[in-house]
Amino acid sequence: MKKVLLSVLAVGMLTACSQEETISQQAPTQIAFESAFVNNATRAADPSFNNEDNLLTKFSVWGYVANTNGTGQVFDDVTVEKSEETNDWSYSPLQYWMPNNQYYFFALATNKTTDYKGQVADEDLAESGIGEISFTNVDGTEDLLYATAERTTGASITTAPEKVKFNFDHLLAKVKFSFVNGFTTGYSTIKVTNIKMTVPGQGSISLNEQFAEKGQFIWTLENGAATILDFGTMSESAEIKEGDKGESDNERMTIPAAADQEYTVTFDAELFQDGASVLTSKKAVKITGCQLLSGYAYNFVATLDHTNIGENPLF
């Protein structure tokens, strides 16, 4: 008799479990990303991002959800990457939209493998921005881009919300050099090599206050920190003919700075007379009064002639 009672009880428990599992649930909708675009208005496009469509294929994202109960984190430096085969964006672990919430997303992109997770402050992230990040300019080849997005969910979510799209702005400025041959002798050509520029080496930027005015980025420089950028030679090491202009082989990224920042530029100049080298000199120039802004490209142009090609004017 006891065995029969136990069997009936077990069946009753199984039936109860089965009934609980059939309660209807709202289908989960995962947070998805697409179209990481580099702002066309930005003129400091690094070659790594200067493809036909100005599209990125990889970025790091931070995300926060906010409501009357407070703020919670959804993403913390999560890598989102585009598949070459399907063009879909993926990340792990998956996160899901919840109704009646405000979402804030912030993203960083770089052409290097730099991890900014440990450098991002956690203050007021949901209300105003990704926080403060530090940047070290090693050789001017790293580009750094930033983007934000917001989304508000309704009282119910029955279909997948629109995917999150990012429109990135450049946080750095880009620099190159051009040299003009100002001689008028009819035989003089110029060759410029070993072009270098001393720029700020370290800086930090607080993106908290930039959320309302995206793109107006202000850098704080680390005192005494400097790096020397190598711009190579003129294009293909060619000699510049009279009246012509040659450009540096390399373009480099630099931390933006105010107009009171001083830059030192050095280069080697060589003068040829009808193909014969007749003069070589090492030049050092101070650049002052030039404000560099995030997202802009700058071309510094120098004219070399008989007044400045050598250590003293030519007679």
Protein backbone atom coordinates (compact mmCIF):
# COMPACT_ATOMS: atom_id res chain seq x y z
CA MET A 1 0.00 0.00 0.00
CA LYS A 2 2.80 2.37 0.78
CA LYS A 3 4.31 1.74 -2.61
CA VAL A 4 1.08 2.76 -4.37
CA LEU A 5 0.83 6.00 -2.42
CA LEU A 6 4.41 6.92 -3.29
CA SER A 7 3.79 6.34 -6.97
CA VAL A 8 0.73 8.55 -7.03
CA LEU A 9 2.57 11.32 -5.19
CA ALA A 10 5.45 11.21 -7.68
CA VAL A 11 3.07 11.52 -10.61
CA GLY A 12 1.43 14.51 -8.97
CA MET A 13 4.75 16.29 -8.58
CA LEU A 14 5.71 15.70 -12.20
CA THR A 15 2.37 17.05 -13.34
CA ALA A 16 2.84 20.21 -11.30
CA CYS A 17 6.30 20.81 -12.83
CA SER A 18 4.91 20.33 -16.29
CA GLN A 19 2.20 22.93 -15.69
CA GLU A 20 4.74 25.53 -14.48
CA GLU A 21 6.88 25.14 -17.59
CA THR A 22 3.97 25.90 -19.91
CA ILE A 23 3.44 29.43 -18.53
CA SER A 24 3.93 31.84 -21.45
CA GLN A 25 7.18 33.89 -21.46
CA GLN A 26 8.10 36.93 -23.56
CA ALA A 27 10.72 35.99 -26.13
CA PRO A 28 14.16 37.43 -25.29
CA THR A 29 15.58 40.00 -27.71
CA GLN A 30 19.34 40.36 -27.75
CA ILE A 31 21.17 43.66 -28.04
CA ALA A 32 22.73 43.79 -31.51
CA PHE A 33 25.13 46.16 -33.30
CA GLU A 34 25.69 47.22 -36.91
CA SER A 35 27.19 49.91 -39.16
CA ALA A 36 30.24 51.20 -37.29
CA PHE A 37 30.85 54.27 -39.44
CA VAL A 38 33.70 56.79 -39.30
CA ASN A 39 32.27 60.30 -39.51
CA ASN A 40 32.72 61.80 -42.98
CA ALA A 41 33.08 65.25 -41.46
CA THR A 42 36.19 64.01 -39.71
CA ARG A 43 39.30 64.79 -41.72
CA ALA A 44 41.93 62.89 -39.76
CA ALA A 45 41.18 59.46 -41.20
CA ASP A 46 44.06 57.12 -40.52
CA PRO A 47 44.92 54.83 -43.45
CA SER A 48 43.66 51.93 -41.35
CA PHE A 49 40.15 53.42 -41.50
CA ASN A 50 40.35 55.12 -44.88
CA ASN A 51 38.62 52.37 -46.81
CA GLU A 52 35.97 52.92 -49.45
CA ASP A 53 33.01 53.03 -47.06
CA ASN A 54 34.78 54.40 -43.97
CA LEU A 55 33.53 51.36 -42.07
CA LEU A 56 35.17 49.72 -39.10
CA THR A 57 35.22 45.98 -38.53
CA LYS A 58 36.02 45.91 -34.80
CA PHE A 59 35.48 48.08 -31.74
CA SER A 60 35.16 47.91 -27.94
CA VAL A 61 31.84 48.81 -26.32
CA TRP A 62 30.70 49.91 -22.86
CA GLY A 63 27.00 49.89 -22.04
CA TYR A 64 24.75 50.94 -19.15
CA VAL A 65 21.07 50.62 -18.33
CA ALA A 66 19.33 53.22 -16.17
CA ASN A 67 15.92 53.63 -14.54
CA THR A 68 14.41 55.04 -11.34
CA ASN A 69 16.09 52.27 -9.36
CA GLY A 70 19.61 53.28 -10.42
CA THR A 71 22.20 52.35 -13.05
CA GLY A 72 23.53 48.96 -14.01
CA GLN A 73 26.32 47.88 -16.33
CA VAL A 74 25.63 45.85 -19.47
CA PHE A 75 28.96 45.95 -21.33
CA ASP A 76 32.48 46.54 -19.99
CA ASP A 77 35.06 46.76 -22.78
CA VAL A 78 33.42 44.00 -24.82
CA THR A 79 34.87 43.38 -28.27
CA VAL A 80 32.31 43.58 -31.08
CA GLU A 81 33.58 42.24 -34.40
CA LYS A 82 32.20 42.01 -37.92
CA SER A 83 32.25 38.70 -39.80
CA GLU A 84 33.86 38.86 -43.24
CA GLU A 85 31.63 36.05 -44.46
CA THR A 86 28.20 37.19 -43.23
CA ASN A 87 28.79 40.90 -42.42
CA ASP A 88 27.06 40.27 -39.07
CA TRP A 89 28.40 41.70 -35.83
CA SER A 90 28.97 39.41 -32.86
CA TYR A 91 30.12 39.55 -29.24
CA SER A 92 30.01 37.35 -26.15
CA PRO A 93 28.29 36.88 -23.76
CA LEU A 94 24.99 38.06 -25.22
CA GLN A 95 23.00 40.79 -23.48
CA TYR A 96 19.26 41.44 -23.79
CA TRP A 97 16.94 44.42 -23.93
CA MET A 98 14.64 44.96 -20.96
CA PRO A 99 11.43 47.07 -21.10
CA ASN A 100 11.09 50.51 -19.53
CA ASN A 101 14.79 51.33 -19.44
CA GLN A 102 17.23 53.91 -20.79
CA TYR A 103 20.38 52.50 -22.43
CA TYR A 104 23.67 54.30 -23.00
CA PHE A 105 26.38 52.88 -25.24
CA PHE A 106 29.95 54.13 -25.71
CA ALA A 107 32.58 52.70 -28.01
CA LEU A 108 36.30 53.05 -28.69
CA ALA A 109 38.06 51.90 -31.84
CA THR A 110 41.75 51.78 -32.67
CA ASN A 111 43.95 50.23 -35.33
CA LYS A 112 46.13 48.76 -32.58
CA THR A 113 45.57 46.13 -29.88
CA THR A 114 45.50 48.66 -27.03
CA ASP A 115 43.17 47.71 -24.17
CA TYR A 116 41.69 50.78 -22.47
CA LYS A 117 39.63 48.86 -19.93
CA GLY A 118 41.92 49.56 -17.01
CA GLN A 119 42.14 53.25 -17.92
CA VAL A 120 38.43 54.01 -18.02
CA ALA A 121 37.04 55.73 -14.95
CA ASP A 122 33.66 54.54 -13.65
CA GLU A 123 32.25 57.89 -12.57
CA ASP A 124 28.89 59.05 -13.95
CA LEU A 125 29.24 56.82 -16.97
CA ALA A 126 25.57 56.35 -17.70
CA GLU A 127 24.70 60.02 -17.46
CA SER A 128 27.47 61.63 -19.43
CA GLY A 129 30.08 59.49 -21.15
CA ILE A 130 32.61 56.73 -21.09
CA GLY A 131 34.77 58.37 -18.43
CA GLU A 132 38.39 59.43 -18.53
CA ILE A 133 40.96 57.60 -20.62
CA SER A 134 44.71 58.01 -20.86
CA PHE A 135 46.62 57.82 -24.11
CA THR A 136 50.33 57.37 -24.82
CA ASN A 137 51.53 58.32 -28.27
CA VAL A 138 54.30 55.84 -29.04
CA ASP A 139 55.09 56.59 -32.68
CA GLY A 140 52.06 58.35 -34.16
CA THR A 141 50.69 55.28 -35.92
CA GLU A 142 47.77 54.61 -33.55
CA ASP A 143 44.42 56.17 -34.33
CA LEU A 144 41.76 56.52 -31.63
CA LEU A 145 38.03 56.92 -32.30
CA TYR A 146 35.02 57.41 -30.02
CA ALA A 147 31.27 57.05 -30.50
CA THR A 148 28.07 57.15 -28.42
CA ALA A 149 24.51 55.90 -28.84
CA GLU A 150 21.33 55.98 -26.74
CA ARG A 151 18.20 53.86 -26.74
CA THR A 152 14.96 53.87 -24.72
CA THR A 153 12.80 50.75 -24.51
CA GLY A 154 9.02 50.82 -24.18
CA ALA A 155 6.69 49.15 -21.73
CA SER A 156 6.84 45.89 -23.67
CA ILE A 157 9.23 44.34 -26.17
CA THR A 158 7.55 41.97 -28.60
CA THR A 159 10.01 42.24 -31.49
CA ALA A 160 13.75 42.83 -31.69
CA PRO A 161 14.55 46.55 -31.30
CA GLU A 162 16.60 48.31 -33.96
CA LYS A 163 20.29 47.48 -33.90
CA VAL A 164 22.66 49.96 -32.27
CA LYS A 165 24.63 52.03 -34.79
CA PHE A 166 27.81 53.96 -34.03
CA ASN A 167 29.14 57.03 -35.84
CA PHE A 168 32.76 57.43 -34.72
CA ASP A 169 34.72 60.66 -34.27
CA HIS A 170 38.52 60.90 -34.17
CA LEU A 171 40.03 61.90 -30.83
CA LEU A 172 43.45 62.67 -32.33
CA ALA A 173 44.78 65.04 -34.99
CA LYS A 174 46.83 64.08 -38.05
CA VAL A 175 49.97 65.87 -39.27
CA LYS A 176 52.10 65.82 -42.42
CA PHE A 177 54.75 68.10 -43.97
CA SER A 178 55.24 69.65 -47.37
CA PHE A 179 58.36 71.36 -48.73
CA VAL A 180 58.39 73.87 -51.57
CA ASN A 181 61.45 74.59 -53.70
CA GLY A 182 61.62 78.38 -53.73
CA PHE A 183 64.72 78.69 -55.95
CA THR A 184 64.49 80.38 -59.35
CA THR A 185 67.95 79.69 -60.78
CA GLY A 186 66.70 77.18 -63.32
CA TYR A 187 69.07 74.43 -62.06
CA SER A 188 68.36 74.01 -58.33
CA THR A 189 66.62 70.95 -56.89
CA ILE A 190 66.08 70.08 -53.21
CA LYS A 191 65.90 66.84 -51.29
CA VAL A 192 64.50 66.66 -47.73
CA THR A 193 65.05 63.63 -45.49
CA ASN A 194 64.87 62.53 -41.85
CA ILE A 195 61.81 64.64 -41.01
CA LYS A 196 60.92 64.47 -37.32
CA MET A 197 58.56 66.32 -34.99
CA THR A 198 58.51 66.44 -31.18
CA VAL A 199 54.92 66.27 -29.90
CA PRO A 200 53.12 65.63 -26.57
CA GLY A 201 53.72 62.04 -25.56
CA GLN A 202 50.94 61.48 -23.04
CA GLY A 203 47.53 62.96 -22.37
CA SER A 204 44.13 62.23 -20.88
CA ILE A 205 40.67 63.13 -22.03
CA SER A 206 37.47 63.23 -20.00
CA LEU A 207 34.58 62.15 -22.16
CA ASN A 208 32.02 62.54 -19.37
CA GLU A 209 31.27 66.16 -20.20
CA GLN A 210 31.34 65.63 -23.94
CA PHE A 211 28.17 63.58 -24.28
CA ALA A 212 25.91 66.60 -24.88
CA GLU A 213 28.36 68.23 -27.29
CA LYS A 214 29.86 65.32 -29.13
CA GLY A 215 33.05 66.14 -30.95
CA GLN A 216 34.21 68.99 -28.72
CA PHE A 217 37.02 67.07 -27.09
CA ILE A 218 39.55 68.70 -24.73
CA TRP A 219 42.81 66.96 -23.89
CA THR A 220 44.93 67.43 -20.77
CA LEU A 221 48.63 66.92 -21.48
CA GLU A 222 51.07 65.17 -19.17
CA ASN A 223 53.83 67.64 -18.28
CA GLY A 224 57.27 66.67 -19.51
CA ALA A 225 56.03 63.75 -21.61
CA ALA A 226 57.12 63.99 -25.24
CA THR A 227 57.61 61.69 -28.19
CA ILE A 228 59.37 62.13 -31.53
CA LEU A 229 57.38 61.26 -34.62
CA ASP A 230 59.20 60.07 -37.73
CA PHE A 231 57.78 61.40 -40.99
CA GLY A 232 60.45 59.78 -43.17
CA THR A 233 61.54 61.64 -46.30
CA MET A 234 59.76 63.43 -49.08
CA SER A 235 57.61 61.29 -51.34
CA GLU A 236 59.78 58.49 -52.73
CA SER A 237 62.90 60.45 -51.71
CA ALA A 238 62.52 62.50 -54.88
CA GLU A 239 64.23 65.80 -55.51
CA ILE A 240 61.88 68.77 -55.63
CA LYS A 241 62.11 70.84 -58.78
CA GLU A 242 61.92 74.62 -58.69
CA GLY A 243 58.38 75.77 -57.94
CA ASP A 244 57.24 72.25 -57.03
CA LYS A 245 56.19 70.80 -53.69
CA GLY A 246 57.06 67.45 -52.10
CA GLU A 247 55.19 65.76 -49.23
CA SER A 248 56.51 63.65 -46.37
CA ASP A 249 56.23 59.92 -46.87
CA ASN A 250 54.35 59.46 -43.59
CA GLU A 251 51.36 61.04 -41.90
CA ARG A 252 51.30 60.75 -38.13
CA MET A 253 48.65 61.04 -35.40
CA THR A 254 49.22 63.38 -32.46
CA ILE A 255 47.42 64.40 -29.28
CA PRO A 256 45.56 67.68 -29.90
CA ALA A 257 46.84 70.69 -27.99
CA ALA A 258 46.13 74.37 -27.46
CA ALA A 259 47.85 77.17 -29.35
CA ASP A 260 50.45 77.66 -26.60
CA GLN A 261 51.95 74.23 -27.30
CA GLU A 262 55.42 74.39 -28.91
CA TYR A 263 56.59 71.83 -31.46
CA THR A 264 60.13 71.20 -32.67
CA VAL A 265 60.64 70.03 -36.25
CA THR A 266 63.99 68.81 -37.56
CA PHE A 267 64.99 67.65 -41.04
CA ASP A 268 67.98 67.36 -43.35
CA ALA A 269 68.02 69.50 -46.48
CA GLU A 270 70.24 68.94 -49.51
CA LEU A 271 70.64 71.30 -52.45
CA PHE A 272 71.55 70.06 -55.93
CA GLN A 273 72.85 72.18 -58.78
CA ASP A 274 72.02 70.51 -62.09
CA GLY A 275 72.10 67.12 -60.34
CA ALA A 276 75.30 67.72 -58.35
CA SER A 277 75.03 67.95 -54.55
CA VAL A 278 76.39 71.34 -53.51
CA LEU A 279 75.04 71.92 -49.97
CA THR A 280 73.73 69.90 -47.03
CA SER A 281 72.34 71.23 -43.77
CA LYS A 282 70.45 70.11 -40.69
CA LYS A 283 67.48 72.30 -39.89
CA ALA A 284 65.56 72.82 -36.64
CA VAL A 285 62.33 74.82 -36.61
CA LYS A 286 60.01 75.83 -33.78
CA ILE A 287 56.27 75.83 -34.47
CA THR A 288 54.21 78.01 -32.13
CA GLY A 289 50.73 79.54 -32.08
CA CYS A 290 49.07 76.58 -33.81
CA GLN A 291 46.10 74.92 -32.14
CA LEU A 292 45.53 71.29 -33.12
CA LEU A 293 41.96 69.98 -32.85
CA SER A 294 40.55 66.47 -32.69
CA GLY A 295 39.47 65.16 -36.07
CA TYR A 296 41.49 67.59 -38.20
CA ALA A 297 44.41 66.95 -40.54
CA TYR A 298 47.21 69.51 -40.70
CA ASN A 299 49.76 70.08 -43.45
CA PHE A 300 52.75 72.20 -42.39
CA VAL A 301 54.31 73.80 -45.47
CA ALA A 302 57.91 75.09 -45.56
CA THR A 303 59.47 76.98 -48.47
CA LEU A 304 63.22 76.44 -48.88
CA ASP A 305 65.23 78.98 -50.88
CA HIS A 306 68.55 80.84 -50.79
CA THR A 307 67.60 82.62 -47.54
CA ASN A 308 67.21 79.50 -45.39
CA ILE A 309 68.54 76.38 -47.14
CA GLY A 310 71.88 76.61 -45.33
CA GLU A 311 73.07 77.66 -41.93
CA ASN A 312 73.37 81.20 -43.30
CA PRO A 313 71.74 82.96 -46.27
CA LEU A 314 73.39 82.31 -49.63
CA PHE A 315 75.09 85.22 -51.40
